[in-house]
N, C-alpha and C. Protein backbone atom coordinates (compact mmCIF):
# COMPACT_ATOMS: atom_id res chain seq x y z
N MET A 1 29.22 -51.35 151.20
CA MET A 1 28.01 -52.12 150.93
C MET A 1 27.35 -52.55 152.24
N LEU A 2 28.03 -53.46 153.03
CA LEU A 2 27.54 -53.80 154.36
C LEU A 2 28.36 -53.03 155.38
N GLU A 3 27.67 -52.40 156.31
CA GLU A 3 28.37 -51.66 157.37
C GLU A 3 27.65 -51.91 158.69
N THR A 4 28.44 -52.15 159.73
CA THR A 4 27.86 -52.24 161.06
C THR A 4 28.37 -51.06 161.88
N ARG A 5 27.50 -50.55 162.73
CA ARG A 5 27.85 -49.42 163.58
C ARG A 5 27.45 -49.74 165.02
N SER A 6 28.46 -49.88 165.85
CA SER A 6 28.27 -50.07 167.29
C SER A 6 27.37 -51.25 167.63
N LEU A 7 27.47 -52.33 166.86
CA LEU A 7 26.70 -53.53 167.21
C LEU A 7 27.19 -54.07 168.55
N HIS A 8 26.24 -54.43 169.41
CA HIS A 8 26.62 -54.90 170.74
C HIS A 8 25.55 -55.83 171.28
N ARG A 9 26.00 -56.97 171.81
CA ARG A 9 25.12 -57.91 172.51
C ARG A 9 25.98 -58.74 173.46
N LEU A 10 25.49 -58.91 174.68
CA LEU A 10 26.21 -59.69 175.69
C LEU A 10 27.65 -59.20 175.80
N HIS A 11 28.63 -60.08 175.57
CA HIS A 11 30.04 -59.71 175.74
C HIS A 11 30.69 -59.29 174.43
N VAL A 12 29.90 -59.13 173.37
CA VAL A 12 30.46 -58.83 172.05
C VAL A 12 30.11 -57.40 171.64
N GLY A 13 31.15 -56.60 171.35
CA GLY A 13 30.95 -55.26 170.83
C GLY A 13 31.37 -54.20 171.81
N PRO A 14 31.21 -52.95 171.32
CA PRO A 14 30.59 -52.54 170.06
C PRO A 14 31.49 -52.88 168.85
N ILE A 15 30.84 -53.28 167.75
CA ILE A 15 31.53 -53.72 166.54
C ILE A 15 31.21 -52.77 165.39
N ASP A 16 32.27 -52.23 164.80
CA ASP A 16 32.15 -51.44 163.57
C ASP A 16 32.91 -52.19 162.47
N LEU A 17 32.24 -52.43 161.36
CA LEU A 17 32.81 -53.24 160.28
C LEU A 17 32.28 -52.74 158.95
N ARG A 18 33.12 -52.82 157.92
CA ARG A 18 32.67 -52.47 156.58
C ARG A 18 33.12 -53.56 155.62
N LEU A 19 32.19 -54.01 154.77
CA LEU A 19 32.47 -55.07 153.81
C LEU A 19 31.93 -54.64 152.46
N GLU A 20 32.82 -54.58 151.47
CA GLU A 20 32.44 -54.11 150.15
C GLU A 20 31.80 -55.21 149.31
N ARG A 21 31.13 -54.82 148.26
CA ARG A 21 30.49 -55.75 147.32
C ARG A 21 31.53 -56.71 146.76
N GLY A 22 31.24 -58.00 146.76
CA GLY A 22 32.13 -59.00 146.19
C GLY A 22 33.36 -59.33 147.01
N ALA A 23 33.47 -58.75 148.20
CA ALA A 23 34.63 -59.00 149.07
C ALA A 23 34.32 -60.12 150.05
N CYS A 24 35.37 -60.67 150.65
CA CYS A 24 35.21 -61.69 151.69
C CYS A 24 36.12 -61.32 152.85
N ALA A 25 35.57 -61.31 154.04
CA ALA A 25 36.34 -61.06 155.26
C ALA A 25 36.23 -62.27 156.16
N SER A 26 37.35 -62.65 156.76
CA SER A 26 37.35 -63.79 157.69
C SER A 26 37.39 -63.29 159.12
N ILE A 27 36.74 -64.05 159.99
CA ILE A 27 36.77 -63.77 161.43
C ILE A 27 37.22 -65.04 162.14
N THR A 28 38.27 -64.92 162.90
CA THR A 28 38.75 -66.02 163.72
C THR A 28 38.64 -65.62 165.19
N GLY A 29 38.88 -66.56 166.06
CA GLY A 29 38.82 -66.30 167.49
C GLY A 29 38.58 -67.61 168.21
N ARG A 30 38.94 -67.63 169.47
CA ARG A 30 38.78 -68.86 170.23
C ARG A 30 37.30 -69.21 170.38
N SER A 31 37.03 -70.46 170.68
CA SER A 31 35.65 -70.89 170.93
C SER A 31 35.06 -70.10 172.09
N GLY A 32 33.84 -69.64 171.90
CA GLY A 32 33.19 -68.86 172.94
C GLY A 32 33.47 -67.37 172.88
N SER A 33 34.25 -66.94 171.88
CA SER A 33 34.59 -65.51 171.81
C SER A 33 33.43 -64.66 171.28
N GLY A 34 32.42 -65.30 170.67
CA GLY A 34 31.25 -64.55 170.23
C GLY A 34 31.12 -64.41 168.73
N LYS A 35 31.84 -65.24 167.97
CA LYS A 35 31.79 -65.13 166.51
C LYS A 35 30.37 -65.37 165.98
N SER A 36 29.72 -66.40 166.48
CA SER A 36 28.35 -66.69 166.04
C SER A 36 27.39 -65.60 166.49
N ILE A 37 27.61 -65.08 167.68
CA ILE A 37 26.76 -63.98 168.17
C ILE A 37 26.87 -62.78 167.23
N LEU A 38 28.08 -62.48 166.77
CA LEU A 38 28.28 -61.37 165.85
C LEU A 38 27.50 -61.59 164.55
N LEU A 39 27.62 -62.79 163.97
CA LEU A 39 26.89 -63.06 162.73
C LEU A 39 25.39 -62.96 162.95
N ARG A 40 24.91 -63.46 164.07
CA ARG A 40 23.47 -63.41 164.35
C ARG A 40 22.99 -61.97 164.56
N MET A 41 23.84 -61.12 165.13
CA MET A 41 23.47 -59.70 165.26
C MET A 41 23.33 -59.06 163.88
N ILE A 42 24.31 -59.33 163.01
CA ILE A 42 24.28 -58.73 161.67
C ILE A 42 23.04 -59.20 160.91
N ALA A 43 22.67 -60.48 161.11
CA ALA A 43 21.48 -61.03 160.45
C ALA A 43 20.18 -60.61 161.13
N ASP A 44 20.28 -59.87 162.24
CA ASP A 44 19.11 -59.41 163.00
C ASP A 44 18.27 -60.58 163.52
N LEU A 45 18.97 -61.62 163.98
CA LEU A 45 18.29 -62.78 164.53
C LEU A 45 18.12 -62.70 166.05
N ASP A 46 18.92 -61.87 166.70
CA ASP A 46 18.85 -61.72 168.15
C ASP A 46 18.76 -60.23 168.49
N PRO A 47 18.17 -59.88 169.64
CA PRO A 47 18.14 -58.48 170.06
C PRO A 47 19.56 -57.95 170.23
N HIS A 48 19.79 -56.69 169.88
CA HIS A 48 21.13 -56.10 170.00
C HIS A 48 21.02 -54.58 169.97
N ASP A 49 22.08 -53.95 170.41
CA ASP A 49 22.22 -52.50 170.26
C ASP A 49 23.00 -52.22 168.98
N GLY A 50 22.93 -50.99 168.50
CA GLY A 50 23.61 -50.63 167.26
C GLY A 50 22.78 -51.05 166.06
N ASP A 51 23.37 -50.88 164.87
CA ASP A 51 22.61 -51.17 163.66
C ASP A 51 23.56 -51.64 162.56
N ALA A 52 22.96 -52.24 161.54
CA ALA A 52 23.70 -52.64 160.34
C ALA A 52 23.03 -51.97 159.15
N PHE A 53 23.82 -51.73 158.12
CA PHE A 53 23.34 -51.00 156.94
C PHE A 53 23.77 -51.74 155.68
N LEU A 54 22.87 -51.78 154.70
CA LEU A 54 23.18 -52.36 153.40
C LEU A 54 22.96 -51.26 152.37
N ASP A 55 24.05 -50.86 151.73
CA ASP A 55 24.00 -49.73 150.80
C ASP A 55 23.31 -48.52 151.43
N GLY A 56 23.62 -48.28 152.69
CA GLY A 56 23.11 -47.11 153.39
C GLY A 56 21.73 -47.29 153.99
N LYS A 57 21.05 -48.41 153.72
CA LYS A 57 19.71 -48.62 154.26
C LYS A 57 19.82 -49.42 155.55
N ALA A 58 19.21 -48.90 156.60
CA ALA A 58 19.35 -49.51 157.93
C ALA A 58 18.52 -50.76 158.07
N CYS A 59 19.10 -51.75 158.71
CA CYS A 59 18.37 -52.97 159.06
C CYS A 59 17.15 -52.62 159.90
N SER A 60 17.31 -51.69 160.83
CA SER A 60 16.21 -51.33 161.73
C SER A 60 15.05 -50.67 161.01
N GLY A 61 15.27 -50.26 159.76
CA GLY A 61 14.22 -49.58 159.01
C GLY A 61 13.46 -50.47 158.04
N MET A 62 13.69 -51.78 158.11
CA MET A 62 12.97 -52.68 157.20
C MET A 62 12.53 -53.92 157.95
N PRO A 63 11.52 -54.62 157.42
CA PRO A 63 11.07 -55.86 158.07
C PRO A 63 12.21 -56.89 158.11
N ALA A 64 12.28 -57.64 159.21
CA ALA A 64 13.36 -58.62 159.38
C ALA A 64 13.43 -59.62 158.23
N PRO A 65 12.31 -60.18 157.74
CA PRO A 65 12.43 -61.15 156.64
C PRO A 65 13.05 -60.54 155.38
N ALA A 66 12.75 -59.27 155.10
CA ALA A 66 13.33 -58.62 153.92
C ALA A 66 14.84 -58.47 154.09
N TRP A 67 15.29 -58.09 155.28
CA TRP A 67 16.72 -57.96 155.56
C TRP A 67 17.42 -59.32 155.41
N ARG A 68 16.82 -60.35 155.98
CA ARG A 68 17.46 -61.68 156.00
C ARG A 68 17.50 -62.33 154.64
N ARG A 69 16.63 -61.91 153.72
CA ARG A 69 16.74 -62.43 152.35
C ARG A 69 17.97 -61.86 151.67
N MET A 70 18.37 -60.66 152.06
CA MET A 70 19.55 -60.03 151.46
C MET A 70 20.82 -60.31 152.24
N VAL A 71 20.70 -60.35 153.56
CA VAL A 71 21.84 -60.59 154.45
C VAL A 71 21.54 -61.91 155.17
N THR A 72 22.09 -62.99 154.62
CA THR A 72 21.64 -64.34 154.96
C THR A 72 22.67 -65.07 155.82
N TYR A 73 22.20 -65.57 156.95
CA TYR A 73 23.04 -66.31 157.90
C TYR A 73 22.95 -67.80 157.63
N VAL A 74 24.10 -68.46 157.53
CA VAL A 74 24.16 -69.92 157.39
C VAL A 74 24.86 -70.46 158.62
N ALA A 75 24.10 -71.08 159.50
CA ALA A 75 24.63 -71.55 160.78
C ALA A 75 25.53 -72.76 160.59
N ALA A 76 26.40 -72.99 161.57
CA ALA A 76 27.26 -74.17 161.53
C ALA A 76 26.42 -75.44 161.59
N GLU A 77 25.32 -75.41 162.32
CA GLU A 77 24.39 -76.54 162.39
C GLU A 77 22.99 -76.01 162.10
N SER A 78 22.55 -76.22 160.87
CA SER A 78 21.26 -75.68 160.45
C SER A 78 20.11 -76.57 160.86
N GLY A 79 18.94 -75.97 160.97
CA GLY A 79 17.75 -76.72 161.32
C GLY A 79 17.10 -77.37 160.10
N TRP A 80 16.35 -78.43 160.36
CA TRP A 80 15.64 -79.17 159.31
C TRP A 80 14.22 -79.38 159.81
N TRP A 81 13.23 -78.96 159.03
CA TRP A 81 11.87 -78.94 159.51
C TRP A 81 10.94 -79.90 158.76
N ALA A 82 11.44 -80.56 157.71
CA ALA A 82 10.62 -81.50 156.96
C ALA A 82 11.39 -82.81 156.81
N GLU A 83 10.71 -83.87 156.43
CA GLU A 83 11.34 -85.18 156.38
C GLU A 83 12.25 -85.35 155.17
N GLN A 84 11.82 -84.84 154.01
CA GLN A 84 12.57 -85.05 152.77
C GLN A 84 13.48 -83.86 152.47
N VAL A 85 14.62 -84.14 151.84
CA VAL A 85 15.57 -83.08 151.48
C VAL A 85 14.92 -82.04 150.59
N ALA A 86 14.22 -82.47 149.54
CA ALA A 86 13.67 -81.52 148.56
C ALA A 86 12.71 -80.53 149.19
N ASP A 87 12.06 -80.91 150.29
CA ASP A 87 11.08 -80.03 150.94
C ASP A 87 11.72 -78.80 151.58
N HIS A 88 13.05 -78.77 151.67
CA HIS A 88 13.75 -77.64 152.28
C HIS A 88 14.19 -76.60 151.25
N PHE A 89 13.86 -76.83 150.00
CA PHE A 89 14.25 -75.92 148.93
C PHE A 89 13.03 -75.26 148.32
N ALA A 90 13.23 -74.05 147.78
CA ALA A 90 12.13 -73.33 147.16
C ALA A 90 11.56 -74.12 145.99
N GLN A 91 10.27 -74.00 145.81
CA GLN A 91 9.62 -74.70 144.71
C GLN A 91 10.24 -74.24 143.39
N GLY A 92 10.54 -75.19 142.53
CA GLY A 92 11.15 -74.86 141.26
C GLY A 92 12.67 -74.87 141.27
N SER A 93 13.28 -75.13 142.43
CA SER A 93 14.74 -75.21 142.50
C SER A 93 15.24 -76.37 141.65
N ASP A 94 16.29 -76.12 140.88
CA ASP A 94 16.86 -77.16 140.01
C ASP A 94 17.90 -77.96 140.79
N LEU A 95 17.42 -78.88 141.61
CA LEU A 95 18.32 -79.64 142.47
C LEU A 95 19.25 -80.54 141.66
N ALA A 96 18.82 -80.98 140.49
CA ALA A 96 19.67 -81.81 139.65
C ALA A 96 20.92 -81.04 139.22
N ALA A 97 20.82 -79.73 139.11
CA ALA A 97 21.97 -78.90 138.76
C ALA A 97 22.73 -78.45 140.00
N LEU A 98 22.01 -78.19 141.10
CA LEU A 98 22.63 -77.64 142.30
C LEU A 98 23.47 -78.67 143.06
N LEU A 99 22.92 -79.85 143.28
CA LEU A 99 23.57 -80.82 144.16
C LEU A 99 24.98 -81.21 143.70
N PRO A 100 25.21 -81.46 142.40
CA PRO A 100 26.57 -81.81 141.98
C PRO A 100 27.60 -80.71 142.22
N GLN A 101 27.16 -79.46 142.33
CA GLN A 101 28.10 -78.37 142.57
C GLN A 101 28.84 -78.53 143.89
N VAL A 102 28.21 -79.23 144.84
CA VAL A 102 28.86 -79.47 146.13
C VAL A 102 29.13 -80.95 146.36
N GLY A 103 29.13 -81.72 145.26
CA GLY A 103 29.53 -83.12 145.34
C GLY A 103 28.51 -84.05 145.96
N ILE A 104 27.23 -83.73 145.81
CA ILE A 104 26.17 -84.57 146.37
C ILE A 104 25.38 -85.19 145.23
N ASP A 105 25.09 -86.48 145.35
CA ASP A 105 24.33 -87.22 144.35
C ASP A 105 22.98 -86.57 144.11
N THR A 106 22.57 -86.48 142.85
CA THR A 106 21.29 -85.85 142.53
C THR A 106 20.12 -86.59 143.16
N GLN A 107 20.28 -87.88 143.45
CA GLN A 107 19.21 -88.65 144.07
C GLN A 107 18.93 -88.20 145.51
N ALA A 108 19.87 -87.45 146.09
CA ALA A 108 19.71 -87.01 147.47
C ALA A 108 18.49 -86.12 147.65
N ALA A 109 18.00 -85.51 146.58
CA ALA A 109 16.79 -84.68 146.68
C ALA A 109 15.62 -85.48 147.23
N ASN A 110 15.62 -86.79 146.97
CA ASN A 110 14.50 -87.64 147.40
C ASN A 110 14.79 -88.38 148.70
N TRP A 111 15.93 -88.13 149.29
CA TRP A 111 16.30 -88.83 150.52
C TRP A 111 15.60 -88.21 151.73
N PRO A 112 15.39 -89.01 152.77
CA PRO A 112 14.99 -88.42 154.05
C PRO A 112 16.20 -87.71 154.67
N VAL A 113 15.96 -86.64 155.37
CA VAL A 113 17.05 -85.89 156.01
C VAL A 113 17.85 -86.79 156.95
N ALA A 114 17.18 -87.74 157.60
CA ALA A 114 17.86 -88.63 158.55
C ALA A 114 18.98 -89.44 157.90
N ARG A 115 18.93 -89.60 156.58
CA ARG A 115 19.96 -90.38 155.89
C ARG A 115 21.24 -89.58 155.67
N LEU A 116 21.18 -88.26 155.78
CA LEU A 116 22.31 -87.40 155.46
C LEU A 116 23.42 -87.48 156.50
N SER A 117 24.66 -87.43 156.04
CA SER A 117 25.79 -87.29 156.95
C SER A 117 25.88 -85.84 157.42
N THR A 118 26.72 -85.60 158.41
CA THR A 118 26.93 -84.23 158.88
C THR A 118 27.43 -83.33 157.76
N GLY A 119 28.38 -83.82 156.98
CA GLY A 119 28.93 -83.03 155.88
C GLY A 119 27.91 -82.76 154.80
N GLU A 120 27.05 -83.73 154.50
CA GLU A 120 26.00 -83.52 153.50
C GLU A 120 25.00 -82.48 153.99
N ARG A 121 24.66 -82.55 155.26
CA ARG A 121 23.74 -81.54 155.82
C ARG A 121 24.35 -80.14 155.71
N GLN A 122 25.64 -80.07 155.98
CA GLN A 122 26.32 -78.77 155.94
C GLN A 122 26.28 -78.18 154.53
N ARG A 123 26.59 -79.01 153.54
CA ARG A 123 26.59 -78.53 152.15
C ARG A 123 25.19 -78.20 151.67
N LEU A 124 24.21 -79.01 152.04
CA LEU A 124 22.83 -78.74 151.64
C LEU A 124 22.30 -77.47 152.30
N ALA A 125 22.68 -77.22 153.54
CA ALA A 125 22.24 -75.99 154.22
C ALA A 125 22.76 -74.76 153.49
N LEU A 126 24.00 -74.84 152.98
CA LEU A 126 24.53 -73.72 152.21
C LEU A 126 23.75 -73.55 150.91
N LEU A 127 23.54 -74.63 150.18
CA LEU A 127 22.76 -74.54 148.93
C LEU A 127 21.37 -73.98 149.20
N ARG A 128 20.75 -74.43 150.28
CA ARG A 128 19.41 -73.99 150.64
C ARG A 128 19.35 -72.48 150.86
N ALA A 129 20.44 -71.94 151.38
CA ALA A 129 20.46 -70.51 151.71
C ALA A 129 20.69 -69.62 150.49
N LEU A 130 21.28 -70.19 149.42
CA LEU A 130 21.61 -69.38 148.26
C LEU A 130 20.35 -68.99 147.50
N ALA A 131 20.27 -67.70 147.19
CA ALA A 131 19.12 -67.18 146.45
C ALA A 131 19.57 -65.95 145.68
N PRO A 132 18.87 -65.61 144.61
CA PRO A 132 19.26 -64.42 143.83
C PRO A 132 19.30 -63.14 144.66
N GLU A 133 18.48 -63.09 145.74
CA GLU A 133 18.42 -61.86 146.54
C GLU A 133 19.61 -61.69 147.47
N ASN A 134 20.40 -62.75 147.69
CA ASN A 134 21.53 -62.64 148.62
C ASN A 134 22.48 -61.54 148.19
N ARG A 135 22.72 -60.61 149.09
CA ARG A 135 23.75 -59.59 148.85
C ARG A 135 24.96 -59.87 149.72
N VAL A 136 24.69 -60.45 150.90
CA VAL A 136 25.74 -60.80 151.86
C VAL A 136 25.43 -62.18 152.42
N LEU A 137 26.44 -63.05 152.49
CA LEU A 137 26.31 -64.34 153.15
C LEU A 137 27.15 -64.32 154.42
N LEU A 138 26.54 -64.66 155.53
CA LEU A 138 27.20 -64.74 156.82
C LEU A 138 27.40 -66.22 157.12
N LEU A 139 28.62 -66.70 156.97
CA LEU A 139 28.91 -68.13 156.98
C LEU A 139 29.64 -68.53 158.26
N ASP A 140 29.02 -69.41 159.03
CA ASP A 140 29.57 -69.86 160.31
C ASP A 140 30.19 -71.25 160.11
N GLU A 141 31.50 -71.30 159.94
CA GLU A 141 32.23 -72.56 159.75
C GLU A 141 31.60 -73.42 158.66
N PRO A 142 31.52 -72.91 157.42
CA PRO A 142 30.78 -73.63 156.38
C PRO A 142 31.43 -74.92 155.91
N THR A 143 32.71 -75.16 156.24
CA THR A 143 33.37 -76.38 155.78
C THR A 143 34.00 -77.18 156.92
N SER A 144 33.59 -76.92 158.15
CA SER A 144 34.27 -77.53 159.30
C SER A 144 34.19 -79.05 159.31
N GLY A 145 33.14 -79.65 158.78
CA GLY A 145 33.01 -81.10 158.81
C GLY A 145 33.31 -81.78 157.49
N LEU A 146 33.94 -81.05 156.56
CA LEU A 146 34.10 -81.57 155.20
C LEU A 146 35.51 -82.06 154.91
N ASP A 147 35.60 -83.02 153.99
CA ASP A 147 36.90 -83.47 153.52
C ASP A 147 37.46 -82.46 152.51
N GLY A 148 38.68 -82.70 152.05
CA GLY A 148 39.35 -81.74 151.19
C GLY A 148 38.62 -81.48 149.89
N ASP A 149 38.11 -82.54 149.23
CA ASP A 149 37.41 -82.37 147.96
C ASP A 149 36.12 -81.58 148.14
N SER A 150 35.36 -81.89 149.18
CA SER A 150 34.11 -81.18 149.43
C SER A 150 34.36 -79.72 149.80
N THR A 151 35.42 -79.49 150.57
CA THR A 151 35.79 -78.11 150.91
C THR A 151 36.12 -77.32 149.65
N ALA A 152 36.88 -77.93 148.75
CA ALA A 152 37.25 -77.25 147.50
C ALA A 152 36.01 -76.91 146.68
N ARG A 153 35.04 -77.81 146.64
CA ARG A 153 33.81 -77.55 145.89
C ARG A 153 33.01 -76.38 146.50
N VAL A 154 32.92 -76.39 147.82
CA VAL A 154 32.19 -75.30 148.49
C VAL A 154 32.90 -73.97 148.25
N GLU A 155 34.22 -73.96 148.38
CA GLU A 155 34.96 -72.72 148.17
C GLU A 155 34.80 -72.23 146.73
N ALA A 156 34.80 -73.13 145.76
CA ALA A 156 34.62 -72.74 144.36
C ALA A 156 33.24 -72.11 144.15
N LEU A 157 32.21 -72.69 144.78
CA LEU A 157 30.87 -72.13 144.68
C LEU A 157 30.81 -70.74 145.29
N LEU A 158 31.47 -70.57 146.44
CA LEU A 158 31.47 -69.26 147.10
C LEU A 158 32.24 -68.22 146.30
N LEU A 159 33.32 -68.63 145.68
CA LEU A 159 34.08 -67.70 144.83
C LEU A 159 33.25 -67.25 143.63
N GLU A 160 32.43 -68.14 143.09
CA GLU A 160 31.52 -67.76 142.01
C GLU A 160 30.54 -66.70 142.49
N ARG A 161 30.01 -66.90 143.68
CA ARG A 161 29.07 -65.92 144.23
C ARG A 161 29.75 -64.56 144.44
N MET A 162 30.99 -64.60 144.92
CA MET A 162 31.73 -63.35 145.11
C MET A 162 31.95 -62.65 143.77
N ALA A 163 32.30 -63.41 142.74
CA ALA A 163 32.53 -62.82 141.41
C ALA A 163 31.26 -62.16 140.88
N ALA A 164 30.11 -62.66 141.31
CA ALA A 164 28.83 -62.08 140.90
C ALA A 164 28.42 -60.91 141.79
N GLY A 165 29.24 -60.60 142.82
CA GLY A 165 28.98 -59.42 143.64
C GLY A 165 28.52 -59.68 145.06
N THR A 166 28.29 -60.93 145.42
CA THR A 166 27.88 -61.24 146.80
C THR A 166 29.09 -61.08 147.73
N ALA A 167 28.88 -60.43 148.85
CA ALA A 167 29.94 -60.30 149.86
C ALA A 167 29.80 -61.43 150.87
N LEU A 168 30.94 -61.87 151.41
CA LEU A 168 30.95 -62.97 152.39
C LEU A 168 31.62 -62.52 153.67
N LEU A 169 31.02 -62.88 154.79
CA LEU A 169 31.65 -62.75 156.09
C LEU A 169 31.79 -64.17 156.62
N LEU A 170 33.03 -64.63 156.74
CA LEU A 170 33.34 -66.03 156.93
C LEU A 170 33.99 -66.27 158.29
N VAL A 171 33.28 -66.97 159.17
CA VAL A 171 33.87 -67.44 160.43
C VAL A 171 34.53 -68.77 160.15
N THR A 172 35.82 -68.87 160.46
CA THR A 172 36.55 -70.11 160.20
C THR A 172 37.66 -70.30 161.22
N HIS A 173 37.93 -71.58 161.54
CA HIS A 173 39.08 -71.91 162.37
C HIS A 173 40.25 -72.36 161.51
N ASP A 174 40.07 -72.33 160.18
CA ASP A 174 41.09 -72.80 159.25
C ASP A 174 41.88 -71.61 158.70
N PRO A 175 43.11 -71.38 159.18
CA PRO A 175 43.87 -70.23 158.70
C PRO A 175 44.19 -70.30 157.21
N GLN A 176 44.33 -71.50 156.67
CA GLN A 176 44.59 -71.63 155.24
C GLN A 176 43.37 -71.23 154.42
N GLN A 177 42.20 -71.58 154.91
CA GLN A 177 40.99 -71.17 154.21
C GLN A 177 40.86 -69.64 154.22
N ALA A 178 41.18 -69.05 155.36
CA ALA A 178 41.13 -67.59 155.44
C ALA A 178 42.04 -66.95 154.41
N LEU A 179 43.23 -67.52 154.23
CA LEU A 179 44.17 -66.99 153.24
C LEU A 179 43.67 -67.19 151.82
N ARG A 180 43.06 -68.35 151.55
CA ARG A 180 42.57 -68.65 150.20
C ARG A 180 41.40 -67.77 149.81
N MET A 181 40.52 -67.50 150.76
CA MET A 181 39.22 -66.91 150.42
C MET A 181 39.15 -65.40 150.63
N THR A 182 39.97 -64.86 151.54
CA THR A 182 39.69 -63.51 152.00
C THR A 182 40.88 -62.57 151.88
N SER A 183 40.55 -61.30 151.80
CA SER A 183 41.58 -60.25 151.80
C SER A 183 41.52 -59.43 153.08
N GLN A 184 40.42 -59.51 153.82
CA GLN A 184 40.29 -58.84 155.11
C GLN A 184 40.27 -59.91 156.19
N HIS A 185 41.09 -59.74 157.21
CA HIS A 185 41.18 -60.73 158.27
C HIS A 185 40.98 -60.04 159.62
N TYR A 186 40.12 -60.64 160.44
CA TYR A 186 39.84 -60.09 161.76
C TYR A 186 39.91 -61.19 162.80
N GLU A 187 40.22 -60.78 164.03
CA GLU A 187 40.14 -61.68 165.17
C GLU A 187 39.22 -61.06 166.19
N LEU A 188 38.29 -61.87 166.71
CA LEU A 188 37.41 -61.42 167.77
C LEU A 188 38.03 -61.81 169.10
N HIS A 189 38.38 -60.80 169.87
CA HIS A 189 39.12 -61.03 171.12
C HIS A 189 38.58 -60.08 172.18
N ASP A 190 38.16 -60.64 173.32
CA ASP A 190 37.59 -59.84 174.40
C ASP A 190 36.45 -58.95 173.91
N GLY A 191 35.65 -59.48 173.00
CA GLY A 191 34.49 -58.75 172.51
C GLY A 191 34.79 -57.71 171.45
N ARG A 192 36.06 -57.55 171.11
CA ARG A 192 36.45 -56.54 170.12
C ARG A 192 36.92 -57.21 168.83
N LEU A 193 36.62 -56.58 167.71
CA LEU A 193 37.04 -57.08 166.41
C LEU A 193 38.30 -56.34 166.00
N GLU A 194 39.40 -57.08 165.87
CA GLU A 194 40.70 -56.47 165.59
C GLU A 194 41.20 -56.94 164.24
N ALA A 195 41.64 -55.99 163.40
CA ALA A 195 42.21 -56.34 162.09
C ALA A 195 43.51 -57.08 162.29
N VAL A 196 43.74 -58.09 161.44
CA VAL A 196 44.94 -58.93 161.52
C VAL A 196 45.62 -58.89 160.16
N GLN A 197 46.94 -58.69 160.18
CA GLN A 197 47.72 -58.74 158.94
C GLN A 197 48.18 -60.16 158.71
N ARG A 198 47.98 -60.67 157.48
CA ARG A 198 48.41 -62.04 157.14
C ARG A 198 49.32 -62.00 155.92
């Protein structure tokens, strides 16, 4: 489903990777090893060599916004461009149904972003990124600032998406999360992606 061929930028690559529909692969590695750079290359957010393919269709052959709607990057620290939480979601989004899925009060839709904790921002950024067009989610430490209950809620939501066919590429420093969520495990070391047996 998702395939990368010789992706390379700065000290990362060339990277060849294959991720099937509904699968989840974890990527670990020390800080600064280039995990975020790899996700950003796959999302076509930064200049790079090589290419990525979705069901055989090349990223380089389609407009960047169309690719990013299907192959969606969720940063560890997402940006916020409006004052109110609800303004960051597509018109018609059912926030009353969405917010409880990640343990956030439904009233938060009307809150100013400045009121949100780090963990609330993290969970809302994930919800904001979810859309019917998502085929692949590129997740950069999606639960790093969360408590156990919030982590469990996020993982349950992601497992639902996987069951519906969305593939996940998950950067995490939590080895237990990697075991719970994924069947493919990789370590990024010296710019190379190496398969790891767990």
